[in-house]
Amino acid sequence: MAILDLIEYPNEMSGEIVHRVPEDASGEFRLGSQLVVRESQRAIFFRDGKALDMFGPGRHTLSTNNIPLLTGLIGLPFGGKSPFRAEVYFVSMREFTDMKWGTTQPVIFRDTDLGMVRLRAFGTYSMRVRGPQVLVNQVVGARGSYTTAAIADFLRSIIIQEFTDILADVQTSILDLAGMQKEVADGTRAALASDFANYGFELTSFQVEAITPPEEVQKRIDERSGMGALGDMRTYTQFQTAQAIRDAANNPGSGGDGVSAGMGMGAGMGMGAAMAGAMRDAFSNNPQAQGQQGANAAAETMTCPSCKATIPAGSKFCPECGTNLQAEVCPKCHTQNQPGAKFCSNCGEPLS
């Protein structure tokens, strides 16, 4: 294997967090080799599975000055130029954006209005490496390359655990939960800070895009909001019935045959019966209509002046006591007086 006099990794793959040089096994290095680290990278020098030093951005010449542990690890029979086997891990320090998270199974939520509701949630987050050596030692290990896809599922499980705990502390309804997504996101991000730090990461942002109930619950919410938009259901029913009657009258049937015409007439009669029922209900709940109906009923009866019984209007004799109910006409001024009156209410003339 050729000796690596220049060690660098200029072309990072998309989503790549750590890349080892050489990727497959240890490489041949020697003192005096050049190590080039980009601005967005950190390089960790390993030999025999042990991290010797970490290098920041710039060009570095490998020597016992910047890697003092090499002095006791290699011999110097060739004027300090003897080769040795080692590897370099390049760690990307850039921010990894648009990372996805979401619940694989519904989360049980105690709703103040609906009781127990199963919710799903999803969103995005971004992160960057905070501790390169912690990440390489505890997560990456001896892998030649490590990407965000390799750790996404593990981080998602940590996120869901903390998100579920935060959601359990929210005492509200799902109808109000949409307005609290930022508060829920901020609380989850704060709770995840130490979890990410344990693996060498820093959580730079965390967003909750949506928290949704099951489809059947969404349908019930839509029905409830639709009822609220309609307002008075009785008035709406009457309007719908009138529309149906008009449509049935305009479209009695197609083709001109008796069957279709009968079907159209039957539908119209059914709608008419429904309209009549709706009108009857409307009258039963309308005080003004009830008053008019009572006045009409009162106009069809009268009270006997003698026994006070309610009898049909226009009766000449009371069917209860036989009292003459015909008006008494004054022989002098011809004024009609109440039945049974003894004197004229207009001129005082005695009545027979």
Protein backbone atom coordinates (compact mmCIF):
# COMPACT_ATOMS: atom_id res chain seq x y z
CA MET A 1 0.00 0.00 0.00
CA ALA A 2 1.33 3.44 -0.95
CA ILE A 3 2.19 5.96 1.73
CA LEU A 4 -0.36 8.76 2.05
CA ASP A 5 1.58 12.01 1.94
CA LEU A 6 -1.63 14.12 1.53
CA ILE A 7 -4.70 13.33 3.59
CA GLU A 8 -7.94 15.21 2.79
CA TYR A 9 -11.61 14.66 2.01
CA PRO A 10 -12.89 17.50 -0.20
CA ASN A 11 -16.12 15.95 -1.57
CA GLU A 12 -18.63 15.13 1.12
CA MET A 13 -21.69 13.14 0.11
CA SER A 14 -25.14 14.48 0.85
CA GLY A 15 -26.10 13.70 4.42
CA GLU A 16 -22.64 12.34 5.27
CA ILE A 17 -21.62 13.11 8.86
CA VAL A 18 -18.34 11.17 9.20
CA HIS A 19 -15.92 9.77 6.61
CA ARG A 20 -12.79 7.74 7.34
CA VAL A 21 -9.58 7.91 5.32
CA PRO A 22 -8.75 5.32 4.16
CA GLU A 23 -12.35 4.05 4.14
CA ASP A 24 -11.70 0.28 4.15
CA ALA A 25 -8.74 -0.15 6.51
CA SER A 26 -5.79 1.65 8.10
CA GLY A 27 -3.46 3.55 5.79
CA GLU A 28 0.29 4.05 5.62
CA PHE A 29 1.27 7.46 7.05
CA ARG A 30 4.59 8.97 8.04
CA LEU A 31 5.81 12.05 9.83
CA GLY A 32 5.80 14.98 7.44
CA SER A 33 2.55 13.98 5.70
CA GLN A 34 0.15 16.85 5.00
CA LEU A 35 -3.38 16.90 6.51
CA VAL A 36 -5.88 19.35 4.97
CA VAL A 37 -9.07 20.12 6.91
CA ARG A 38 -11.89 22.23 5.41
CA GLU A 39 -13.66 25.03 7.27
CA SER A 40 -16.72 22.86 7.85
CA GLN A 41 -14.70 19.84 9.05
CA ARG A 42 -12.82 18.49 12.01
CA ALA A 43 -10.26 15.68 11.62
CA ILE A 44 -9.57 13.10 14.33
CA PHE A 45 -6.32 11.10 14.08
CA PHE A 46 -6.61 7.45 15.16
CA ARG A 47 -3.95 4.77 15.60
CA ASP A 48 -4.53 1.28 16.95
CA GLY A 49 -8.14 2.22 17.67
CA LYS A 50 -7.21 5.17 19.89
CA ALA A 51 -7.85 8.86 19.19
CA LEU A 52 -4.52 10.71 19.29
CA ASP A 53 -5.53 14.28 18.44
CA MET A 54 -8.18 16.43 16.72
CA PHE A 55 -7.34 19.01 14.04
CA GLY A 56 -9.33 22.13 13.07
CA PRO A 57 -9.53 23.88 9.67
CA GLY A 58 -6.24 24.42 7.82
CA ARG A 59 -3.16 22.53 6.55
CA HIS A 60 -1.27 20.51 9.14
CA THR A 61 2.04 18.68 8.91
CA LEU A 62 2.05 15.46 10.90
CA SER A 63 4.88 15.58 13.43
CA THR A 64 5.62 14.75 17.03
CA ASN A 65 4.77 18.37 17.83
CA ASN A 66 1.11 18.14 16.93
CA ILE A 67 0.80 14.41 17.66
CA PRO A 68 3.19 13.93 20.62
CA LEU A 69 1.95 10.39 21.29
CA LEU A 70 3.51 9.25 18.03
CA THR A 71 6.96 9.56 19.58
CA GLY A 72 6.52 6.42 21.62
CA LEU A 73 4.47 4.57 19.04
CA ILE A 74 6.88 4.52 16.10
CA GLY A 75 10.58 4.19 15.70
CA LEU A 76 12.79 6.74 14.00
CA PRO A 77 15.27 4.67 12.02
CA PHE A 78 14.86 6.80 8.90
CA GLY A 79 15.30 10.27 10.32
CA GLY A 80 11.75 10.54 11.57
CA LYS A 81 10.30 9.38 8.24
CA SER A 82 9.40 5.77 9.10
CA PRO A 83 5.84 4.84 8.05
CA PHE A 84 3.10 3.80 10.48
CA ARG A 85 -0.49 2.63 10.09
CA ALA A 86 -3.33 4.92 11.17
CA GLU A 87 -6.61 6.42 9.98
CA VAL A 88 -8.21 9.87 9.97
CA TYR A 89 -11.91 10.52 10.61
CA PHE A 90 -13.26 13.64 8.90
CA VAL A 91 -16.32 14.93 10.80
CA SER A 92 -18.67 17.38 9.08
CA MET A 93 -19.56 20.35 11.31
CA ARG A 94 -22.18 21.84 9.00
CA GLU A 95 -25.85 22.00 9.97
CA PHE A 96 -28.02 19.15 8.74
CA THR A 97 -31.41 20.64 7.88
CA ASP A 98 -34.80 19.23 6.92
CA MET A 99 -34.47 16.13 9.08
CA LYS A 100 -37.84 14.38 9.35
CA TRP A 101 -39.62 12.95 12.37
CA GLY A 102 -43.08 11.50 12.87
CA THR A 103 -45.09 9.09 14.99
CA THR A 104 -45.11 5.53 13.67
CA GLN A 105 -48.02 4.67 15.99
CA PRO A 106 -50.80 6.97 17.28
CA VAL A 107 -50.17 8.70 20.60
CA ILE A 108 -52.93 8.59 23.22
CA PHE A 109 -54.01 12.11 24.20
CA ARG A 110 -56.40 13.01 27.05
CA ASP A 111 -58.74 15.55 25.42
CA THR A 112 -60.73 17.86 27.68
CA ASP A 113 -63.74 17.80 25.31
CA LEU A 114 -63.61 14.46 23.50
CA GLY A 115 -62.00 12.26 26.15
CA MET A 116 -59.30 9.88 24.87
CA VAL A 117 -58.10 10.63 21.33
CA ARG A 118 -55.39 8.95 19.28
CA LEU A 119 -53.13 11.53 17.64
CA ARG A 120 -50.43 11.44 15.01
CA ALA A 121 -47.77 14.11 14.66
CA PHE A 122 -44.91 14.91 12.34
CA GLY A 123 -42.43 17.68 11.67
CA THR A 124 -38.81 18.58 10.91
CA TYR A 125 -35.65 19.38 12.84
CA SER A 126 -32.05 20.37 12.19
CA MET A 127 -28.85 19.45 13.99
CA ARG A 128 -25.08 19.63 13.85
CA VAL A 129 -22.16 17.83 15.46
CA ARG A 130 -21.19 19.30 18.83
CA GLY A 131 -18.64 16.75 20.06
CA PRO A 132 -16.77 15.07 17.18
CA GLN A 133 -14.80 12.68 19.39
CA VAL A 134 -17.93 11.66 21.34
CA LEU A 135 -19.74 10.98 18.06
CA VAL A 136 -16.92 8.89 16.58
CA ASN A 137 -16.22 6.92 19.76
CA GLN A 138 -19.82 6.23 20.85
CA VAL A 139 -21.79 6.14 17.59
CA VAL A 140 -19.71 5.79 14.43
CA GLY A 141 -17.12 3.27 15.63
CA ALA A 142 -15.08 1.66 12.86
CA ARG A 143 -17.49 2.47 10.01
CA GLY A 144 -15.89 3.90 6.90
CA SER A 145 -18.79 6.30 6.33
CA TYR A 146 -21.70 7.42 8.50
CA THR A 147 -24.73 9.38 7.24
CA THR A 148 -27.87 10.96 8.70
CA ALA A 149 -29.93 8.08 7.31
CA ALA A 150 -28.02 5.65 9.54
CA ILE A 151 -29.02 7.46 12.73
CA ALA A 152 -32.40 8.96 11.71
CA ASP A 153 -34.50 6.10 13.10
CA PHE A 154 -32.65 6.13 16.41
CA LEU A 155 -33.06 9.89 16.82
CA ARG A 156 -36.74 9.62 15.83
CA SER A 157 -37.39 7.19 18.68
CA ILE A 158 -35.81 9.63 21.16
CA ILE A 159 -37.90 12.50 19.75
CA ILE A 160 -41.18 10.56 19.99
CA GLN A 161 -40.47 9.63 23.60
CA GLU A 162 -39.90 13.23 24.69
CA PHE A 163 -42.74 14.55 22.49
CA THR A 164 -45.19 12.10 24.09
CA ASP A 165 -44.16 13.25 27.58
CA ILE A 166 -44.64 16.91 26.63
CA LEU A 167 -48.03 16.19 25.05
CA ALA A 168 -49.19 14.40 28.18
CA ASP A 169 -48.71 17.61 30.18
CA VAL A 170 -50.93 19.65 27.84
CA GLN A 171 -54.42 19.86 29.34
CA THR A 172 -56.56 21.11 26.47
CA SER A 173 -58.68 20.01 23.52
CA ILE A 174 -57.37 19.08 20.08
CA LEU A 175 -59.46 22.02 18.81
CA ASP A 176 -57.05 24.34 20.67
CA LEU A 177 -53.91 22.23 20.18
CA ALA A 178 -53.16 23.73 16.76
CA GLY A 179 -52.59 27.11 18.39
CA MET A 180 -50.11 25.57 20.85
CA GLN A 181 -47.80 23.83 18.36
CA LYS A 182 -44.98 26.33 18.87
CA GLU A 183 -45.13 25.90 22.66
CA VAL A 184 -45.13 22.11 22.25
CA ALA A 185 -42.18 22.32 19.81
CA ASP A 186 -40.15 24.57 22.11
CA GLY A 187 -40.77 22.30 25.09
CA THR A 188 -39.77 19.21 23.12
CA ARG A 189 -36.59 20.88 21.85
CA ALA A 190 -35.54 21.81 25.38
CA ALA A 191 -36.18 18.27 26.61
CA LEU A 192 -34.15 16.79 23.72
CA ALA A 193 -31.05 18.95 24.25
CA SER A 194 -29.34 16.62 26.72
CA ASP A 195 -30.37 13.50 24.77
CA PHE A 196 -28.71 14.75 21.59
CA ALA A 197 -25.63 15.97 23.50
CA ASN A 198 -25.06 12.46 24.85
CA TYR A 199 -24.31 11.32 21.29
CA GLY A 200 -22.27 14.35 20.22
CA PHE A 201 -25.08 16.32 18.52
CA GLU A 202 -26.67 19.73 19.05
CA LEU A 203 -30.36 20.16 18.19
CA THR A 204 -30.46 23.58 16.48
CA SER A 205 -34.17 23.73 15.60
CA PHE A 206 -37.33 21.68 16.06
CA GLN A 207 -40.70 22.15 14.36
CA VAL A 208 -44.11 20.52 14.75
CA GLU A 209 -45.86 20.71 11.38
CA ALA A 210 -49.13 19.05 12.31
CA ILE A 211 -50.91 17.13 15.06
CA THR A 212 -53.90 15.27 13.63
CA PRO A 213 -56.62 12.97 15.05
CA PRO A 214 -57.84 9.84 13.23
CA GLU A 215 -59.89 10.26 10.05
CA GLU A 216 -63.19 9.30 11.72
CA VAL A 217 -62.68 11.96 14.40
CA GLN A 218 -61.91 14.55 11.73
CA LYS A 219 -65.21 13.69 10.02
CA ARG A 220 -67.12 14.25 13.26
CA ILE A 221 -65.39 17.60 13.75
CA ASP A 222 -66.33 18.59 10.18
CA GLU A 223 -69.95 17.59 10.84
CA ARG A 224 -70.03 19.63 14.02
CA SER A 225 -68.60 22.71 12.32
CA GLY A 226 -71.07 22.24 9.45
CA MET A 227 -73.99 22.24 11.87
CA GLY A 228 -72.66 25.42 13.43
CA ALA A 229 -72.44 27.06 10.00
CA LEU A 230 -76.08 26.16 9.18
CA GLY A 231 -77.42 27.94 12.27
CA ASP A 232 -81.19 27.23 12.69
CA MET A 233 -81.64 23.60 11.62
CA ARG A 234 -85.47 23.93 11.41
CA THR A 235 -85.28 26.82 8.96
CA TYR A 236 -82.67 24.98 6.93
CA THR A 237 -84.84 21.84 6.78
CA GLN A 238 -87.84 23.86 5.56
CA PHE A 239 -85.70 25.48 2.89
CA GLN A 240 -84.34 22.12 1.73
CA THR A 241 -87.86 20.64 1.59
CA ALA A 242 -89.14 23.55 -0.47
CA GLN A 243 -86.21 23.14 -2.86
CA ALA A 244 -86.95 19.42 -3.22
CA ILE A 245 -90.64 20.07 -3.97
CA ARG A 246 -89.72 22.61 -6.63
CA ASP A 247 -87.22 20.22 -8.23
CA ALA A 248 -89.77 17.39 -8.22
CA ALA A 249 -92.34 19.65 -9.88
CA ASN A 250 -89.90 20.76 -12.57
CA ASN A 251 -88.67 17.19 -13.22
CA PRO A 252 -91.68 14.85 -12.88
CA GLY A 253 -89.86 12.09 -14.77
CA SER A 254 -87.97 11.37 -17.96
CA GLY A 255 -89.24 9.52 -21.01
CA GLY A 256 -92.93 10.34 -20.44
CA ASP A 257 -93.85 6.84 -19.16
CA GLY A 258 -96.29 6.29 -16.32
CA VAL A 259 -93.75 4.61 -14.07
CA SER A 260 -91.33 7.52 -14.03
CA ALA A 261 -94.17 10.00 -13.69
CA GLY A 262 -95.54 8.03 -10.76
CA MET A 263 -92.16 7.97 -9.13
CA GLY A 264 -91.84 11.74 -9.53
CA MET A 265 -95.33 12.25 -8.13
CA GLY A 266 -94.60 9.94 -5.21
CA ALA A 267 -91.41 11.81 -4.43
CA GLY A 268 -93.30 15.10 -4.61
CA MET A 269 -96.02 13.78 -2.29
CA GLY A 270 -93.39 12.54 0.15
CA MET A 271 -91.69 15.90 0.13
CA GLY A 272 -95.07 17.57 0.56
CA ALA A 273 -95.77 15.47 3.64
CA ALA A 274 -92.36 16.34 5.00
CA MET A 275 -93.04 20.02 4.30
CA ALA A 276 -96.36 19.81 6.07
CA GLY A 277 -94.72 18.21 9.07
CA ALA A 278 -92.04 20.87 9.10
CA MET A 279 -94.65 23.63 8.90
CA ARG A 280 -96.66 22.01 11.69
CA ASP A 281 -93.53 21.87 13.85
CA ALA A 282 -92.75 25.46 12.98
CA PHE A 283 -96.23 26.55 14.07
CA SER A 284 -95.94 24.57 17.27
CA ASN A 285 -92.77 26.44 18.14
CA ASN A 286 -93.96 29.89 16.95
CA PRO A 287 -95.74 31.88 19.73
CA GLN A 288 -97.22 34.34 17.24
CA ALA A 289 -98.71 31.56 15.13
CA GLN A 290 -100.06 29.88 18.26
CA GLY A 291 -101.72 33.15 19.30
CA GLN A 292 -103.36 33.58 15.89
CA GLN A 293 -104.55 29.99 15.96
CA GLY A 294 -106.05 30.52 19.43
CA ALA A 295 -107.81 33.69 18.27
CA ASN A 296 -109.38 31.83 15.36
CA ALA A 297 -110.57 29.09 17.69
CA ALA A 298 -112.01 31.69 20.12
CA ALA A 299 -113.89 33.39 17.28
CA GLU A 300 -115.74 30.14 16.54
CA THR A 301 -117.23 29.88 20.09
CA MET A 302 -119.08 32.09 22.57
CA THR A 303 -119.96 32.08 26.27
CA CYS A 304 -123.56 31.72 27.53
CA PRO A 305 -124.37 34.82 29.63
CA SER A 306 -126.49 32.71 31.94
CA CYS A 307 -124.56 29.48 32.72
CA LYS A 308 -121.18 30.61 31.38
CA ALA A 309 -120.84 27.51 29.25
CA THR A 310 -118.75 27.60 26.04
CA ILE A 311 -121.12 27.07 23.16
CA PRO A 312 -120.89 27.40 19.32
CA ALA A 313 -120.92 30.94 18.02
CA GLY A 314 -124.24 32.08 16.51
CA SER A 315 -126.40 29.85 18.73
CA LYS A 316 -129.92 31.24 19.31
CA PHE A 317 -130.48 29.26 22.50
CA CYS A 318 -127.94 27.85 24.97
CA PRO A 319 -127.73 24.05 24.58
CA GLU A 320 -126.87 23.79 28.28
CA CYS A 321 -129.51 25.96 30.04
CA GLY A 322 -131.90 26.95 27.20
CA THR A 323 -131.40 30.70 27.63
CA ASN A 324 -132.58 32.80 24.65
CA LEU A 325 -129.43 34.14 23.06
CA GLN A 326 -131.06 36.32 20.38
CA ALA A 327 -130.19 40.00 20.54
CA GLU A 328 -132.76 42.31 22.19
CA VAL A 329 -133.72 45.12 19.73
CA CYS A 330 -134.79 48.42 21.28
CA PRO A 331 -138.28 49.37 19.96
CA LYS A 332 -137.41 53.06 20.24
CA CYS A 333 -133.86 53.50 18.87
CA HIS A 334 -133.52 50.02 17.29
CA THR A 335 -130.18 49.35 19.04
CA GLN A 336 -129.18 45.70 19.35
CA ASN A 337 -128.54 44.77 22.98
CA GLN A 338 -127.07 41.70 24.63
CA PRO A 339 -129.47 38.74 24.97
CA GLY A 340 -131.40 38.98 28.26
CA ALA A 341 -130.89 42.76 28.66
CA LYS A 342 -133.83 44.50 30.41
CA PHE A 343 -133.05 48.07 29.31
CA CYS A 344 -131.58 49.55 26.13
CA SER A 345 -127.91 50.36 26.49
CA ASN A 346 -128.36 53.39 24.20
CA CYS A 347 -131.57 55.16 25.29
CA GLY A 348 -132.66 53.32 28.45
CA GLU A 349 -136.01 52.19 26.99
CA PRO A 350 -137.38 49.10 28.79
CA LEU A 351 -137.01 45.94 26.72
CA SER A 352 -139.59 43.21 26.60
